[in-house]
C-alpha atoms as a PDB file:
ATOM      1  CA  UNK A   1     141.146  88.117 147.318  1.00  0.00           C
ATOM      2  CA  UNK A   2     137.546  89.318 147.509  1.00  0.00           C
ATOM      3  CA  UNK A   3     134.623  86.920 147.282  1.00  0.00           C
ATOM      4  CA  UNK A   4     133.758  88.257 143.816  1.00  0.00           C
ATOM      5  CA  UNK A   5     137.352  87.787 142.610  1.00  0.00           C
ATOM      6  CA  UNK A   6     137.273  84.210 143.889  1.00  0.00           C
ATOM      7  CA  UNK A   7     134.025  83.505 142.031  1.00  0.00           C
ATOM      8  CA  UNK A   8     135.471  84.992 138.830  1.00  0.00           C
ATOM      9  CA  UNK A   9     138.574  82.825 139.251  1.00  0.00           C
ATOM     10  CA  UNK A  10     136.448  79.691 139.707  1.00  0.00           C
ATOM     11  CA  UNK A  11     134.222  80.539 136.730  1.00  0.00           C
ATOM     12  CA  UNK A  12     137.297  81.161 134.559  1.00  0.00           C
ATOM     13  CA  UNK A  13     138.787  77.824 135.604  1.00  0.00           C
ATOM     14  CA  UNK A  14     135.512  76.067 134.816  1.00  0.00           C
ATOM     15  CA  UNK A  15     135.390  77.682 131.374  1.00  0.00           C
ATOM     16  CA  UNK A  16     138.921  76.430 130.712  1.00  0.00           C
ATOM     17  CA  UNK A  17     137.722  72.854 131.283  1.00  0.00           C
ATOM     18  CA  UNK A  18     134.832  73.358 128.812  1.00  0.00           C
ATOM     19  CA  UNK A  19     136.857  75.160 126.135  1.00  0.00           C
ATOM     20  CA  UNK A  20     138.484  72.042 124.531  1.00  0.00           C
ATOM     21  CA  UNK A  21     135.068  70.492 123.876  1.00  0.00           C
ATOM     22  CA  UNK A  22     133.853  73.644 122.142  1.00  0.00           C
ATOM     23  CA  UNK A  23     137.096  73.957 120.191  1.00  0.00           C
ATOM     24  CA  UNK A  24     136.708  70.379 118.936  1.00  0.00           C
ATOM     25  CA  UNK A  25     133.539  71.557 117.180  1.00  0.00           C
ATOM     26  CA  UNK A  26     135.137  74.711 115.773  1.00  0.00           C
ATOM     27  CA  UNK A  27     133.915  77.030 118.502  1.00  0.00           C
ATOM     28  CA  UNK A  28     135.196  78.780 121.581  1.00  0.00           C
ATOM     29  CA  UNK A  29     133.994  80.780 124.567  1.00  0.00           C
ATOM     30  CA  UNK A  30     135.131  83.885 126.407  1.00  0.00           C
ATOM     31  CA  UNK A  31     134.070  85.227 129.785  1.00  0.00           C
ATOM     32  CA  UNK A  32     132.576  88.711 129.496  1.00  0.00           C
ATOM     33  CA  UNK A  33     131.647  89.318 133.134  1.00  0.00           C
ATOM     34  CA  UNK A  34     130.169  87.986 136.329  1.00  0.00           C
ATOM     35  CA  UNK A  35     127.499  90.408 137.489  1.00  0.00           C
ATOM     36  CA  UNK A  36     126.874  91.420 141.089  1.00  0.00           C
ATOM     37  CA  UNK A  37     123.758  89.224 141.073  1.00  0.00           C
ATOM     38  CA  UNK A  38     125.923  86.214 140.048  1.00  0.00           C
ATOM     39  CA  UNK A  39     124.929  85.939 136.405  1.00  0.00           C
ATOM     40  CA  UNK A  40     127.789  84.822 134.177  1.00  0.00           C
ATOM     41  CA  UNK A  41     127.915  86.539 130.797  1.00  0.00           C
ATOM     42  CA  UNK A  42     129.882  84.757 128.093  1.00  0.00           C
ATOM     43  CA  UNK A  43     130.465  85.196 124.391  1.00  0.00           C
ATOM     44  CA  UNK A  44     130.238  82.122 122.194  1.00  0.00           C
ATOM     45  CA  UNK A  45     132.773  82.335 119.391  1.00  0.00           C
ATOM     46  CA  UNK A  46     133.443  80.652 116.067  1.00  0.00           C
ATOM     47  CA  UNK A  47     131.024  77.886 115.133  1.00  0.00           C
ATOM     48  CA  UNK A  48     129.332  78.173 118.549  1.00  0.00           C
ATOM     49  CA  UNK A  49     128.217  81.711 117.766  1.00  0.00           C
ATOM     50  CA  UNK A  50     126.156  80.666 114.754  1.00  0.00           C
ATOM     51  CA  UNK A  51     125.222  77.047 115.509  1.00  0.00           C
ATOM     52  CA  UNK A  52     121.483  76.399 115.813  1.00  0.00           C
ATOM     53  CA  UNK A  53     122.224  74.328 118.933  1.00  0.00           C
ATOM     54  CA  UNK A  54     124.107  77.130 120.706  1.00  0.00           C
ATOM     55  CA  UNK A  55     121.369  77.669 123.278  1.00  0.00           C
ATOM     56  CA  UNK A  56     121.381  73.957 124.145  1.00  0.00           C
ATOM     57  CA  UNK A  57     125.170  73.995 124.380  1.00  0.00           C
ATOM     58  CA  UNK A  58     125.006  77.051 126.612  1.00  0.00           C
ATOM     59  CA  UNK A  59     122.316  75.761 128.985  1.00  0.00           C
ATOM     60  CA  UNK A  60     122.994  72.012 129.038  1.00  0.00           C
ATOM     61  CA  UNK A  61     126.762  72.161 128.700  1.00  0.00           C
ATOM     62  CA  UNK A  62     128.340  75.414 129.761  1.00  0.00           C
ATOM     63  CA  UNK A  63     125.836  76.444 132.438  1.00  0.00           C
ATOM     64  CA  UNK A  64     125.718  72.986 134.023  1.00  0.00           C
ATOM     65  CA  UNK A  65     129.514  72.731 134.120  1.00  0.00           C
ATOM     66  CA  UNK A  66     129.938  76.177 135.661  1.00  0.00           C
ATOM     67  CA  UNK A  67     127.190  75.606 138.258  1.00  0.00           C
ATOM     68  CA  UNK A  68     128.759  72.268 139.191  1.00  0.00           C
ATOM     69  CA  UNK A  69     132.022  74.076 140.041  1.00  0.00           C
ATOM     70  CA  UNK A  70     130.479  77.339 141.296  1.00  0.00           C
ATOM     71  CA  UNK A  71     127.005  76.597 142.723  1.00  0.00           C
ATOM     72  CA  UNK A  72     126.485  80.250 143.696  1.00  0.00           C
ATOM     73  CA  UNK A  73     126.008  81.134 140.032  1.00  0.00           C
ATOM     74  CA  UNK A  74     122.365  81.872 139.209  1.00  0.00           C
ATOM     75  CA  UNK A  75     122.493  81.688 135.410  1.00  0.00           C
ATOM     76  CA  UNK A  76     124.812  81.713 132.411  1.00  0.00           C
ATOM     77  CA  UNK A  77     123.832  83.851 129.437  1.00  0.00           C
ATOM     78  CA  UNK A  78     125.488  84.511 126.098  1.00  0.00           C
ATOM     79  CA  UNK A  79     125.702  88.167 125.187  1.00  0.00           C
ATOM     80  CA  UNK A  80     125.745  87.342 121.466  1.00  0.00           C
ATOM     81  CA  UNK A  81     122.690  85.051 121.298  1.00  0.00           C
ATOM     82  CA  UNK A  82     119.089  86.237 121.125  1.00  0.00           C
ATOM     83  CA  UNK A  83     117.710  84.264 124.046  1.00  0.00           C
ATOM     84  CA  UNK A  84     115.338  86.796 125.628  1.00  0.00           C
END
């Protein structure tokens, strides 16, 4: 398994631990990609896609949880939120 495949596996496992919390609030999350520069791209689904607190959830919840498990990750961004 390549280093990138291992990182993707770890990120996916971390997302699986977060998913139940998002689902409890009517939302969900899917992994879109892990870029070569170690940025995780996710899609927030359901209630998480339209919630006004989505950016907080992404940065304070999802990003922190993923970085705790995979410290190499630089950032987590949602492809369906206007954060730029």
